[in-house]
Amino acid sequence: MPRNIKKNTKSTEIHPDTHFRLLSNLASDPYLTQRALAKKVGISLGAINYCLKELIKVGHLKINNFQNSHNKLGYFYIVTPKGIQQKSLLTADFLRRKLKEYQDLKIEINTIRKDFRGEL
C-alpha cells in the first residue's frame, strides 16, 4: 500500500499532506490531468487515481466532463464546499506542522554550527 495512504480499521485515509496538496492543486487548476497531478503531488498515477476516488466518495470533489468534447481527457475536478472547508482545515494543520518542523530544523542547524565552529 502506498505510504501516502493509511489503513485503519474503519476505512482507508489519505495522508493529510497528500489530501492538502490534492485539494490545493485542484482548486488552483481543476483541469489538471491525473498524470500532471501525480507529478505535482509526488505520488504514483495509481495512488492519484485511488485518492481522487476517495475524495469524490467523501464529498470533497466532484468530477465533470465536457459533454461535447472530442478530447478524451476533457474532465475537470470541482472542489465542493465541503472540500473547501476541509482544505482550510488541512491548510492550517499543514502550516502548523511545517512551522514546527522549520523551528526544530533551525535549532538543529544552530547546534551543528556551534559544534562545527568548536572543531576549527
PDB file of N, CA and C in Angstrom:
ATOM      1  N   MET A   1       0.847  -1.170   0.000  1.00  0.00           N
ATOM      2  CA  MET A   1       0.000   0.000   0.000  1.00  0.00           C
ATOM      3  C   MET A   1       0.897   1.240   0.000  1.00  0.00           C
ATOM      4  N   PRO A   2       0.624   2.254  -0.837  1.00  0.00           N
ATOM      5  CA  PRO A   2       1.471   3.447  -0.884  1.00  0.00           C
ATOM      6  C   PRO A   2       1.562   4.102   0.487  1.00  0.00           C
ATOM      7  N   ARG A   3       2.693   4.748   0.782  1.00  0.00           N
ATOM      8  CA  ARG A   3       2.911   5.331   2.102  1.00  0.00           C
ATOM      9  C   ARG A   3       2.066   6.571   2.343  1.00  0.00           C
ATOM     10  N   ASN A   4       1.443   7.119   1.318  1.00  0.00           N
ATOM     11  CA  ASN A   4       0.608   8.298   1.494  1.00  0.00           C
ATOM     12  C   ASN A   4      -0.835   7.924   1.822  1.00  0.00           C
ATOM     13  N   ILE A   5      -1.076   6.647   1.983  1.00  0.00           N
ATOM     14  CA  ILE A   5      -2.420   6.158   2.289  1.00  0.00           C
ATOM     15  C   ILE A   5      -2.313   5.309   3.551  1.00  0.00           C
ATOM     16  N   LYS A   6      -3.132   5.625   4.551  1.00  0.00           N
ATOM     17  CA  LYS A   6      -3.090   4.891   5.809  1.00  0.00           C
ATOM     18  C   LYS A   6      -4.293   3.978   5.904  1.00  0.00           C
ATOM     19  N   LYS A   7      -4.063   2.760   6.338  1.00  0.00           N
ATOM     20  CA  LYS A   7      -5.153   1.805   6.523  1.00  0.00           C
ATOM     21  C   LYS A   7      -5.496   1.780   8.009  1.00  0.00           C
ATOM     22  N   ASN A   8      -6.761   1.994   8.326  1.00  0.00           N
ATOM     23  CA  ASN A   8      -7.194   1.812   9.702  1.00  0.00           C
ATOM     24  C   ASN A   8      -8.365   0.849   9.704  1.00  0.00           C
ATOM     25  N   THR A   9      -8.933   0.602  10.856  1.00  0.00           N
ATOM     26  CA  THR A   9      -9.967  -0.422  10.929  1.00  0.00           C
ATOM     27  C   THR A   9     -11.270   0.001  10.278  1.00  0.00           C
ATOM     28  N   LYS A  10     -11.563   1.292  10.232  1.00  0.00           N
ATOM     29  CA  LYS A  10     -12.828   1.755   9.671  1.00  0.00           C
ATOM     30  C   LYS A  10     -12.759   1.990   8.170  1.00  0.00           C
ATOM     31  N   SER A  11     -11.705   2.632   7.722  1.00  0.00           N
ATOM     32  CA  SER A  11     -11.598   2.960   6.300  1.00  0.00           C
ATOM     33  C   SER A  11     -10.154   3.258   5.954  1.00  0.00           C
ATOM     34  N   THR A  12      -9.925   3.551   4.715  1.00  0.00           N
ATOM     35  CA  THR A  12      -8.605   3.952   4.272  1.00  0.00           C
ATOM     36  C   THR A  12      -8.588   5.474   4.200  1.00  0.00           C
ATOM     37  N   GLU A  13      -7.589   6.088   4.800  1.00  0.00           N
ATOM     38  CA  GLU A  13      -7.482   7.541   4.822  1.00  0.00           C
ATOM     39  C   GLU A  13      -6.311   7.987   3.961  1.00  0.00           C
ATOM     40  N   ILE A  14      -6.471   9.151   3.382  1.00  0.00           N
ATOM     41  CA  ILE A  14      -5.386   9.765   2.618  1.00  0.00           C
ATOM     42  C   ILE A  14      -4.538  10.566   3.601  1.00  0.00           C
ATOM     43  N   HIS A  15      -3.230  10.482   3.468  1.00  0.00           N
ATOM     44  CA  HIS A  15      -2.331  11.241   4.330  1.00  0.00           C
ATOM     45  C   HIS A  15      -2.701  12.721   4.246  1.00  0.00           C
ATOM     46  N   PRO A  16      -2.710  13.439   5.378  1.00  0.00           N
ATOM     47  CA  PRO A  16      -3.117  14.850   5.368  1.00  0.00           C
ATOM     48  C   PRO A  16      -2.339  15.725   4.383  1.00  0.00           C
ATOM     49  N   ASP A  17      -1.034  15.487   4.240  1.00  0.00           N
ATOM     50  CA  ASP A  17      -0.250  16.296   3.292  1.00  0.00           C
ATOM     51  C   ASP A  17      -0.696  16.030   1.853  1.00  0.00           C
ATOM     52  N   THR A  18      -0.958  14.777   1.538  1.00  0.00           N
ATOM     53  CA  THR A  18      -1.418  14.424   0.192  1.00  0.00           C
ATOM     54  C   THR A  18      -2.801  15.012  -0.046  1.00  0.00           C
ATOM     55  N   HIS A  19      -3.672  14.890   0.934  1.00  0.00           N
ATOM     56  CA  HIS A  19      -5.032  15.429   0.849  1.00  0.00           C
ATOM     57  C   HIS A  19      -4.965  16.937   0.605  1.00  0.00           C
ATOM     58  N   PHE A  20      -4.139  17.631   1.389  1.00  0.00           N
ATOM     59  CA  PHE A  20      -3.952  19.074   1.246  1.00  0.00           C
ATOM     60  C   PHE A  20      -3.432  19.434  -0.146  1.00  0.00           C
ATOM     61  N   ARG A  21      -2.408  18.732  -0.598  1.00  0.00           N
ATOM     62  CA  ARG A  21      -1.814  19.040  -1.912  1.00  0.00           C
ATOM     63  C   ARG A  21      -2.795  18.765  -3.061  1.00  0.00           C
ATOM     64  N   LEU A  22      -3.566  17.702  -2.941  1.00  0.00           N
ATOM     65  CA  LEU A  22      -4.566  17.406  -3.977  1.00  0.00           C
ATOM     66  C   LEU A  22      -5.604  18.512  -4.058  1.00  0.00           C
ATOM     67  N   LEU A  23      -6.197  18.855  -2.923  1.00  0.00           N
ATOM     68  CA  LEU A  23      -7.227  19.890  -2.929  1.00  0.00           C
ATOM     69  C   LEU A  23      -6.665  21.238  -3.370  1.00  0.00           C
ATOM     70  N   SER A  24      -5.468  21.574  -2.921  1.00  0.00           N
ATOM     71  CA  SER A  24      -4.850  22.854  -3.306  1.00  0.00           C
ATOM     72  C   SER A  24      -4.588  22.922  -4.802  1.00  0.00           C
ATOM     73  N   ASN A  25      -4.011  21.865  -5.334  1.00  0.00           N
ATOM     74  CA  ASN A  25      -3.704  21.847  -6.768  1.00  0.00           C
ATOM     75  C   ASN A  25      -4.968  21.887  -7.615  1.00  0.00           C
ATOM     76  N   LEU A  26      -5.986  21.142  -7.203  1.00  0.00           N
ATOM     77  CA  LEU A  26      -7.216  21.109  -7.992  1.00  0.00           C
ATOM     78  C   LEU A  26      -8.030  22.393  -7.828  1.00  0.00           C
ATOM     79  N   ALA A  27      -7.923  23.047  -6.686  1.00  0.00           N
ATOM     80  CA  ALA A  27      -8.590  24.340  -6.521  1.00  0.00           C
ATOM     81  C   ALA A  27      -7.940  25.379  -7.438  1.00  0.00           C
ATOM     82  N   SER A  28      -6.623  25.263  -7.605  1.00  0.00           N
ATOM     83  CA  SER A  28      -5.892  26.197  -8.475  1.00  0.00           C
ATOM     84  C   SER A  28      -6.079  25.890  -9.953  1.00  0.00           C
ATOM     85  N   ASP A  29      -6.135  24.603 -10.282  1.00  0.00           N
ATOM     86  CA  ASP A  29      -6.257  24.195 -11.683  1.00  0.00           C
ATOM     87  C   ASP A  29      -7.120  22.938 -11.785  1.00  0.00           C
ATOM     88  N   PRO A  30      -8.436  23.104 -11.918  1.00  0.00           N
ATOM     89  CA  PRO A  30      -9.327  21.942 -11.958  1.00  0.00           C
ATOM     90  C   PRO A  30      -9.181  21.090 -13.215  1.00  0.00           C
ATOM     91  N   TYR A  31      -8.427  21.568 -14.206  1.00  0.00           N
ATOM     92  CA  TYR A  31      -8.265  20.843 -15.464  1.00  0.00           C
ATOM     93  C   TYR A  31      -7.013  19.971 -15.488  1.00  0.00           C
ATOM     94  N   LEU A  32      -6.306  19.885 -14.360  1.00  0.00           N
ATOM     95  CA  LEU A  32      -5.113  19.038 -14.311  1.00  0.00           C
ATOM     96  C   LEU A  32      -5.474  17.590 -14.635  1.00  0.00           C
ATOM     97  N   THR A  33      -4.637  16.962 -15.429  1.00  0.00           N
ATOM     98  CA  THR A  33      -4.818  15.531 -15.670  1.00  0.00           C
ATOM     99  C   THR A  33      -4.304  14.772 -14.446  1.00  0.00           C
ATOM    100  N   GLN A  34      -4.714  13.525 -14.334  1.00  0.00           N
ATOM    101  CA  GLN A  34      -4.223  12.717 -13.225  1.00  0.00           C
ATOM    102  C   GLN A  34      -2.707  12.572 -13.302  1.00  0.00           C
ATOM    103  N   ARG A  35      -2.181  12.443 -14.495  1.00  0.00           N
ATOM    104  CA  ARG A  35      -0.727  12.306 -14.669  1.00  0.00           C
ATOM    105  C   ARG A  35      -0.006  13.567 -14.179  1.00  0.00           C
ATOM    106  N   ALA A  36      -0.507  14.742 -14.571  1.00  0.00           N
ATOM    107  CA  ALA A  36       0.108  16.007 -14.145  1.00  0.00           C
ATOM    108  C   ALA A  36      -0.040  16.186 -12.632  1.00  0.00           C
ATOM    109  N   LEU A  37      -1.188  15.803 -12.108  1.00  0.00           N
ATOM    110  CA  LEU A  37      -1.428  15.906 -10.673  1.00  0.00           C
ATOM    111  C   LEU A  37      -0.477  14.986  -9.904  1.00  0.00           C
ATOM    112  N   ALA A  38      -0.276  13.779 -10.408  1.00  0.00           N
ATOM    113  CA  ALA A  38       0.647  12.834  -9.765  1.00  0.00           C
ATOM    114  C   ALA A  38       2.051  13.427  -9.703  1.00  0.00           C
ATOM    115  N   LYS A  39       2.465  14.059 -10.788  1.00  0.00           N
ATOM    116  CA  LYS A  39       3.797  14.667 -10.825  1.00  0.00           C
ATOM    117  C   LYS A  39       3.903  15.815  -9.827  1.00  0.00           C
ATOM    118  N   LYS A  40       2.878  16.663  -9.759  1.00  0.00           N
ATOM    119  CA  LYS A  40       2.899  17.806  -8.844  1.00  0.00           C
ATOM    120  C   LYS A  40       2.876  17.368  -7.383  1.00  0.00           C
ATOM    121  N   VAL A  41       2.091  16.352  -7.085  1.00  0.00           N
ATOM    122  CA  VAL A  41       1.937  15.901  -5.704  1.00  0.00           C
ATOM    123  C   VAL A  41       3.076  14.965  -5.294  1.00  0.00           C
ATOM    124  N   GLY A  42       3.673  14.310  -6.281  1.00  0.00           N
ATOM    125  CA  GLY A  42       4.815  13.442  -5.997  1.00  0.00           C
ATOM    126  C   GLY A  42       4.436  12.033  -5.603  1.00  0.00           C
ATOM    127  N   ILE A  43       3.309  11.545  -6.136  1.00  0.00           N
ATOM    128  CA  ILE A  43       2.914  10.161  -5.882  1.00  0.00           C
ATOM    129  C   ILE A  43       2.578   9.501  -7.217  1.00  0.00           C
ATOM    130  N   SER A  44       2.398   8.200  -7.186  1.00  0.00           N
ATOM    131  CA  SER A  44       2.168   7.458  -8.423  1.00  0.00           C
ATOM    132  C   SER A  44       0.806   7.768  -9.026  1.00  0.00           C
ATOM    133  N   LEU A  45       0.679   7.488 -10.300  1.00  0.00           N
ATOM    134  CA  LEU A  45      -0.586   7.685 -11.005  1.00  0.00           C
ATOM    135  C   LEU A  45      -1.685   6.812 -10.398  1.00  0.00           C
ATOM    136  N   GLY A  46      -1.360   5.588 -10.040  1.00  0.00           N
ATOM    137  CA  GLY A  46      -2.330   4.704  -9.404  1.00  0.00           C
ATOM    138  C   GLY A  46      -2.804   5.250  -8.062  1.00  0.00           C
ATOM    139  N   ALA A  47      -1.869   5.808  -7.283  1.00  0.00           N
ATOM    140  CA  ALA A  47      -2.232   6.390  -5.987  1.00  0.00           C
ATOM    141  C   ALA A  47      -3.120   7.618  -6.189  1.00  0.00           C
ATOM    142  N   ILE A  48      -2.824   8.417  -7.213  1.00  0.00           N
ATOM    143  CA  ILE A  48      -3.665   9.584  -7.520  1.00  0.00           C
ATOM    144  C   ILE A  48      -5.077   9.133  -7.849  1.00  0.00           C
ATOM    145  N   ASN A  49      -5.188   8.128  -8.688  1.00  0.00           N
ATOM    146  CA  ASN A  49      -6.493   7.620  -9.080  1.00  0.00           C
ATOM    147  C   ASN A  49      -7.281   7.176  -7.847  1.00  0.00           C
ATOM    148  N   TYR A  50      -6.621   6.427  -6.979  1.00  0.00           N
ATOM    149  CA  TYR A  50      -7.260   5.958  -5.756  1.00  0.00           C
ATOM    150  C   TYR A  50      -7.683   7.138  -4.879  1.00  0.00           C
ATOM    151  N   CYS A  51      -6.775   8.097  -4.661  1.00  0.00           N
ATOM    152  CA  CYS A  51      -7.064   9.243  -3.797  1.00  0.00           C
ATOM    153  C   CYS A  51      -8.227  10.071  -4.336  1.00  0.00           C
ATOM    154  N   LEU A  52      -8.246  10.293  -5.646  1.00  0.00           N
ATOM    155  CA  LEU A  52      -9.341  11.068  -6.238  1.00  0.00           C
ATOM    156  C   LEU A  52     -10.679  10.364  -6.017  1.00  0.00           C
ATOM    157  N   LYS A  53     -10.696   9.054  -6.179  1.00  0.00           N
ATOM    158  CA  LYS A  53     -11.935   8.302  -5.934  1.00  0.00           C
ATOM    159  C   LYS A  53     -12.377   8.447  -4.484  1.00  0.00           C
ATOM    160  N   GLU A  54     -11.421   8.403  -3.556  1.00  0.00           N
ATOM    161  CA  GLU A  54     -11.748   8.560  -2.137  1.00  0.00           C
ATOM    162  C   GLU A  54     -12.280   9.968  -1.853  1.00  0.00           C
ATOM    163  N   LEU A  55     -11.663  10.986  -2.463  1.00  0.00           N
ATOM    164  CA  LEU A  55     -12.109  12.363  -2.236  1.00  0.00           C
ATOM    165  C   LEU A  55     -13.497  12.593  -2.825  1.00  0.00           C
ATOM    166  N   ILE A  56     -13.781  11.938  -3.922  1.00  0.00           N
ATOM    167  CA  ILE A  56     -15.128  12.007  -4.503  1.00  0.00           C
ATOM    168  C   ILE A  56     -16.117  11.290  -3.568  1.00  0.00           C
ATOM    169  N   LYS A  57     -15.695  10.138  -3.044  1.00  0.00           N
ATOM    170  CA  LYS A  57     -16.558   9.345  -2.166  1.00  0.00           C
ATOM    171  C   LYS A  57     -16.945  10.118  -0.896  1.00  0.00           C
ATOM    172  N   VAL A  58     -15.991  10.864  -0.312  1.00  0.00           N
ATOM    173  CA  VAL A  58     -16.280  11.608   0.920  1.00  0.00           C
ATOM    174  C   VAL A  58     -16.896  12.981   0.645  1.00  0.00           C
ATOM    175  N   GLY A  59     -17.039  13.337  -0.628  1.00  0.00           N
ATOM    176  CA  GLY A  59     -17.711  14.582  -0.983  1.00  0.00           C
ATOM    177  C   GLY A  59     -16.837  15.813  -1.051  1.00  0.00           C
ATOM    178  N   HIS A  60     -15.509  15.631  -1.136  1.00  0.00           N
ATOM    179  CA  HIS A  60     -14.612  16.780  -1.240  1.00  0.00           C
ATOM    180  C   HIS A  60     -14.396  17.208  -2.684  1.00  0.00           C
ATOM    181  N   LEU A  61     -14.668  16.320  -3.620  1.00  0.00           N
ATOM    182  CA  LEU A  61     -14.510  16.608  -5.050  1.00  0.00           C
ATOM    183  C   LEU A  61     -15.715  16.102  -5.820  1.00  0.00           C
ATOM    184  N   LYS A  62     -15.960  16.764  -6.934  1.00  0.00           N
ATOM    185  CA  LYS A  62     -16.888  16.259  -7.944  1.00  0.00           C
ATOM    186  C   LYS A  62     -16.116  16.247  -9.246  1.00  0.00           C
ATOM    187  N   ILE A  63     -16.500  15.369 -10.134  1.00  0.00           N
ATOM    188  CA  ILE A  63     -15.850  15.301 -11.439  1.00  0.00           C
ATOM    189  C   ILE A  63     -16.899  15.605 -12.506  1.00  0.00           C
ATOM    190  N   ASN A  64     -16.517  16.420 -13.445  1.00  0.00           N
ATOM    191  CA  ASN A  64     -17.382  16.739 -14.587  1.00  0.00           C
ATOM    192  C   ASN A  64     -16.601  16.499 -15.863  1.00  0.00           C
ATOM    193  N   ASN A  65     -17.337  16.239 -16.917  1.00  0.00           N
ATOM    194  CA  ASN A  65     -16.682  16.125 -18.210  1.00  0.00           C
ATOM    195  C   ASN A  65     -17.396  17.032 -19.199  1.00  0.00           C
ATOM    196  N   PHE A  66     -16.688  17.367 -20.238  1.00  0.00           N
ATOM    197  CA  PHE A  66     -17.257  18.202 -21.281  1.00  0.00           C
ATOM    198  C   PHE A  66     -18.110  17.294 -22.150  1.00  0.00           C
ATOM    199  N   GLN A  67     -19.397  17.482 -22.126  1.00  0.00           N
ATOM    200  CA  GLN A  67     -20.320  16.599 -22.835  1.00  0.00           C
ATOM    201  C   GLN A  67     -20.016  16.492 -24.322  1.00  0.00           C
ATOM    202  N   ASN A  68     -19.688  17.604 -24.951  1.00  0.00           N
ATOM    203  CA  ASN A  68     -19.478  17.603 -26.398  1.00  0.00           C
ATOM    204  C   ASN A  68     -17.995  17.578 -26.775  1.00  0.00           C
ATOM    205  N   SER A  69     -17.168  17.227 -25.828  1.00  0.00           N
ATOM    206  CA  SER A  69     -15.738  17.249 -26.093  1.00  0.00           C
ATOM    207  C   SER A  69     -15.314  16.050 -26.936  1.00  0.00           C
ATOM    208  N   HIS A  70     -14.468  16.313 -27.921  1.00  0.00           N
ATOM    209  CA  HIS A  70     -13.874  15.235 -28.703  1.00  0.00           C
ATOM    210  C   HIS A  70     -12.597  14.745 -28.032  1.00  0.00           C
ATOM    211  N   ASN A  71     -12.182  15.485 -27.010  1.00  0.00           N
ATOM    212  CA  ASN A  71     -10.974  15.167 -26.271  1.00  0.00           C
ATOM    213  C   ASN A  71     -11.326  14.188 -25.159  1.00  0.00           C
ATOM    214  N   LYS A  72     -10.722  13.022 -25.169  1.00  0.00           N
ATOM    215  CA  LYS A  72     -10.998  12.009 -24.151  1.00  0.00           C
ATOM    216  C   LYS A  72     -10.524  12.468 -22.771  1.00  0.00           C
ATOM    217  N   LEU A  73      -9.638  13.479 -22.725  1.00  0.00           N
ATOM    218  CA  LEU A  73      -9.146  13.991 -21.449  1.00  0.00           C
ATOM    219  C   LEU A  73      -9.980  15.180 -20.986  1.00  0.00           C
ATOM    220  N   GLY A  74     -11.165  15.369 -21.540  1.00  0.00           N
ATOM    221  CA  GLY A  74     -11.996  16.521 -21.240  1.00  0.00           C
ATOM    222  C   GLY A  74     -12.713  16.436 -19.910  1.00  0.00           C
ATOM    223  N   TYR A  75     -11.990  16.236 -18.835  1.00  0.00           N
ATOM    224  CA  TYR A  75     -12.560  16.161 -17.498  1.00  0.00           C
ATOM    225  C   TYR A  75     -11.993  17.287 -16.647  1.00  0.00           C
ATOM    226  N   PHE A  76     -12.773  17.695 -15.661  1.00  0.00           N
ATOM    227  CA  PHE A  76     -12.237  18.625 -14.681  1.00  0.00           C
ATOM    228  C   PHE A  76     -12.832  18.307 -13.316  1.00  0.00           C
ATOM    229  N   TYR A  77     -12.102  18.716 -12.290  1.00  0.00           N
ATOM    230  CA  TYR A  77     -12.469  18.407 -10.915  1.00  0.00           C
ATOM    231  C   TYR A  77     -12.962  19.674 -10.235  1.00  0.00           C
ATOM    232  N   ILE A  78     -14.045  19.547  -9.500  1.00  0.00           N
ATOM    233  CA  ILE A  78     -14.610  20.666  -8.762  1.00  0.00           C
ATOM    234  C   ILE A  78     -14.438  20.379  -7.277  1.00  0.00           C
ATOM    235  N   VAL A  79     -13.775  21.298  -6.587  1.00  0.00           N
ATOM    236  CA  VAL A  79     -13.662  21.174  -5.135  1.00  0.00           C
ATOM    237  C   VAL A  79     -15.000  21.659  -4.569  1.00  0.00           C
ATOM    238  N   THR A  80     -15.676  20.781  -3.849  1.00  0.00           N
ATOM    239  CA  THR A  80     -17.010  21.079  -3.312  1.00  0.00           C
ATOM    240  C   THR A  80     -16.907  22.023  -2.109  1.00  0.00           C
ATOM    241  N   PRO A  81     -18.013  22.607  -1.675  1.00  0.00           N
ATOM    242  CA  PRO A  81     -17.978  23.414  -0.447  1.00  0.00           C
ATOM    243  C   PRO A  81     -17.416  22.628   0.746  1.00  0.00           C
ATOM    244  N   LYS A  82     -17.783  21.362   0.850  1.00  0.00           N
ATOM    245  CA  LYS A  82     -17.230  20.506   1.904  1.00  0.00           C
ATOM    246  C   LYS A  82     -15.715  20.356   1.718  1.00  0.00           C
ATOM    247  N   GLY A  83     -15.276  20.230   0.476  1.00  0.00           N
ATOM    248  CA  GLY A  83     -13.852  20.132   0.185  1.00  0.00           C
ATOM    249  C   GLY A  83     -13.109  21.421   0.497  1.00  0.00           C
ATOM    250  N   ILE A  84     -13.744  22.563   0.242  1.00  0.00           N
ATOM    251  CA  ILE A  84     -13.132  23.865   0.551  1.00  0.00           C
ATOM    252  C   ILE A  84     -12.957  24.015   2.063  1.00  0.00           C
ATOM    253  N   GLN A  85     -13.978  23.608   2.800  1.00  0.00           N
ATOM    254  CA  GLN A  85     -13.886  23.654   4.254  1.00  0.00           C
ATOM    255  C   GLN A  85     -12.762  22.745   4.746  1.00  0.00           C
ATOM    256  N   GLN A  86     -12.681  21.544   4.194  1.00  0.00           N
ATOM    257  CA  GLN A  86     -11.618  20.610   4.578  1.00  0.00           C
ATOM    258  C   GLN A  86     -10.249  21.162   4.192  1.00  0.00           C
ATOM    259  N   LYS A  87     -10.163  21.788   3.025  1.00  0.00           N
ATOM    260  CA  LYS A  87      -8.897  22.377   2.576  1.00  0.00           C
ATOM    261  C   LYS A  87      -8.425  23.447   3.560  1.00  0.00           C
ATOM    262  N   SER A  88      -9.349  24.245   4.089  1.00  0.00           N
ATOM    263  CA  SER A  88      -8.987  25.264   5.082  1.00  0.00           C
ATOM    264  C   SER A  88      -8.413  24.620   6.338  1.00  0.00           C
ATOM    265  N   LEU A  89      -9.059  23.562   6.810  1.00  0.00           N
ATOM    266  CA  LEU A  89      -8.559  22.861   7.993  1.00  0.00           C
ATOM    267  C   LEU A  89      -7.197  22.231   7.727  1.00  0.00           C
ATOM    268  N   LEU A  90      -7.062  21.605   6.561  1.00  0.00           N
ATOM    269  CA  LEU A  90      -5.790  20.968   6.196  1.00  0.00           C
ATOM    270  C   LEU A  90      -4.685  22.002   6.031  1.00  0.00           C
ATOM    271  N   THR A  91      -5.024  23.186   5.494  1.00  0.00           N
ATOM    272  CA  THR A  91      -4.037  24.249   5.313  1.00  0.00           C
ATOM    273  C   THR A  91      -3.502  24.714   6.659  1.00  0.00           C
ATOM    274  N   ALA A  92      -4.403  24.961   7.606  1.00  0.00           N
ATOM    275  CA  ALA A  92      -3.987  25.399   8.939  1.00  0.00           C
ATOM    276  C   ALA A  92      -3.111  24.340   9.611  1.00  0.00           C
ATOM    277  N   ASP A  93      -3.512  23.082   9.512  1.00  0.00           N
ATOM    278  CA  ASP A  93      -2.737  21.988  10.101  1.00  0.00           C
ATOM    279  C   ASP A  93      -1.377  21.857   9.424  1.00  0.00           C
ATOM    280  N   PHE A  94      -1.349  21.959   8.090  1.00  0.00           N
ATOM    281  CA  PHE A  94      -0.110  21.870   7.327  1.00  0.00           C
ATOM    282  C   PHE A  94       0.860  22.976   7.756  1.00  0.00           C
ATOM    283  N   LEU A  95       0.349  24.203   7.852  1.00  0.00           N
ATOM    284  CA  LEU A  95       1.200  25.326   8.259  1.00  0.00           C
ATOM    285  C   LEU A  95       1.747  25.139   9.673  1.00  0.00           C
ATOM    286  N   ARG A  96       0.891  24.684  10.578  1.00  0.00           N
ATOM    287  CA  ARG A  96       1.353  24.441  11.956  1.00  0.00           C
ATOM    288  C   ARG A  96       2.490  23.426  11.988  1.00  0.00           C
ATOM    289  N   ARG A  97       2.298  22.312  11.276  1.00  0.00           N
ATOM    290  CA  ARG A  97       3.323  21.257  11.274  1.00  0.00           C
ATOM    291  C   ARG A  97       4.608  21.719  10.605  1.00  0.00           C
ATOM    292  N   LYS A  98       4.491  22.425   9.481  1.00  0.00           N
ATOM    293  CA  LYS A  98       5.684  22.871   8.761  1.00  0.00           C
ATOM    294  C   LYS A  98       6.438  23.942   9.546  1.00  0.00           C
ATOM    295  N   LEU A  99       5.719  24.837  10.227  1.00  0.00           N
ATOM    296  CA  LEU A  99       6.392  25.839  11.055  1.00  0.00           C
ATOM    297  C   LEU A  99       7.122  25.183  12.220  1.00  0.00           C
ATOM    298  N   LYS A 100       6.519  24.155  12.795  1.00  0.00           N
ATOM    299  CA  LYS A 100       7.190  23.408  13.870  1.00  0.00           C
ATOM    300  C   LYS A 100       8.445  22.724  13.339  1.00  0.00           C
ATOM    301  N   GLU A 101       8.326  22.094  12.166  1.00  0.00           N
ATOM    302  CA  GLU A 101       9.497  21.459  11.542  1.00  0.00           C
ATOM    303  C   GLU A 101      10.587  22.493  11.275  1.00  0.00           C
ATOM    304  N   TYR A 102      10.191  23.663  10.801  1.00  0.00           N
ATOM    305  CA  TYR A 102      11.140  24.738  10.499  1.00  0.00           C
ATOM    306  C   TYR A 102      11.863  25.187  11.766  1.00  0.00           C
ATOM    307  N   GLN A 103      11.107  25.385  12.851  1.00  0.00           N
ATOM    308  CA  GLN A 103      11.717  25.801  14.113  1.00  0.00           C
ATOM    309  C   GLN A 103      12.680  24.732  14.629  1.00  0.00           C
ATOM    310  N   ASP A 104      12.266  23.470  14.563  1.00  0.00           N
ATOM    311  CA  ASP A 104      13.130  22.369  15.003  1.00  0.00           C
ATOM    312  C   ASP A 104      14.393  22.293  14.158  1.00  0.00           C
ATOM    313  N   LEU A 105      14.256  22.515  12.867  1.00  0.00           N
ATOM    314  CA  LEU A 105      15.402  22.477  11.968  1.00  0.00           C
ATOM    315  C   LEU A 105      16.364  23.630  12.251  1.00  0.00           C
ATOM    316  N   LYS A 106      15.829  24.818  12.532  1.00  0.00           N
ATOM    317  CA  LYS A 106      16.685  25.960  12.878  1.00  0.00           C
ATOM    318  C   LYS A 106      17.504  25.663  14.130  1.00  0.00           C
ATOM    319  N   ILE A 107      16.867  25.055  15.126  1.00  0.00           N
ATOM    320  CA  ILE A 107      17.574  24.701  16.364  1.00  0.00           C
ATOM    321  C   ILE A 107      18.676  23.696  16.064  1.00  0.00           C
ATOM    322  N   GLU A 108      18.355  22.678  15.255  1.00  0.00           N
ATOM    323  CA  GLU A 108      19.348  21.657  14.906  1.00  0.00           C
ATOM    324  C   GLU A 108      20.517  22.269  14.129  1.00  0.00           C
ATOM    325  N   ILE A 109      20.235  23.145  13.191  1.00  0.00           N
ATOM    326  CA  ILE A 109      21.284  23.789  12.398  1.00  0.00           C
ATOM    327  C   ILE A 109      22.180  24.635  13.299  1.00  0.00           C
ATOM    328  N   ASN A 110      21.580  25.407  14.201  1.00  0.00           N
ATOM    329  CA  ASN A 110      22.383  26.237  15.112  1.00  0.00           C
ATOM    330  C   ASN A 110      23.257  25.395  16.017  1.00  0.00           C
ATOM    331  N   THR A 111      22.755  24.250  16.476  1.00  0.00           N
ATOM    332  CA  THR A 111      23.535  23.339  17.306  1.00  0.00           C
ATOM    333  C   THR A 111      24.722  22.783  16.516  1.00  0.00           C
ATOM    334  N   ILE A 112      24.467  22.376  15.284  1.00  0.00           N
ATOM    335  CA  ILE A 112      25.534  21.836  14.441  1.00  0.00           C
ATOM    336  C   ILE A 112      26.574  22.912  14.144  1.00  0.00           C
ATOM    337  N   ARG A 113      26.124  24.124  13.869  1.00  0.00           N
ATOM    338  CA  ARG A 113      27.071  25.232  13.609  1.00  0.00           C
ATOM    339  C   ARG A 113      27.977  25.465  14.806  1.00  0.00           C
ATOM    340  N   LYS A 114      27.391  25.481  16.007  1.00  0.00           N
ATOM    341  CA  LYS A 114      28.186  25.686  17.217  1.00  0.00           C
ATOM    342  C   LYS A 114      29.216  24.579  17.376  1.00  0.00           C
ATOM    343  N   ASP A 115      28.785  23.319  17.170  1.00  0.00           N
ATOM    344  CA  ASP A 115      29.700  22.193  17.291  1.00  0.00           C
ATOM    345  C   ASP A 115      30.784  22.264  16.224  1.00  0.00           C
ATOM    346  N   PHE A 116      30.424  22.661  15.028  1.00  0.00           N
ATOM    347  CA  PHE A 116      31.377  22.729  13.927  1.00  0.00           C
ATOM    348  C   PHE A 116      32.402  23.833  14.183  1.00  0.00           C
ATOM    349  N   ARG A 117      31.967  24.969  14.642  1.00  0.00           N
ATOM    350  CA  ARG A 117      32.899  26.079  14.944  1.00  0.00           C
ATOM    351  C   ARG A 117      33.894  25.681  16.028  1.00  0.00           C
ATOM    352  N   GLY A 118      33.438  24.844  16.956  1.00  0.00           N
ATOM    353  CA  GLY A 118      34.315  24.386  18.015  1.00  0.00           C
ATOM    354  C   GLY A 118      35.435  23.504  17.520  1.00  0.00           C
ATOM    355  N   GLU A 119      35.256  22.888  16.333  1.00  0.00           N
ATOM    356  CA  GLU A 119      36.271  21.984  15.793  1.00  0.00           C
ATOM    357  C   GLU A 119      37.316  22.734  14.987  1.00  0.00           C
ATOM    358  N   LEU A 120      37.078  23.982  14.670  1.00  0.00           N
ATOM    359  CA  LEU A 120      38.035  24.723  13.832  1.00  0.00           C
ATOM    360  C   LEU A 120      39.215  25.224  14.576  1.00  0.00           C
TER     361      LEU A 120
END
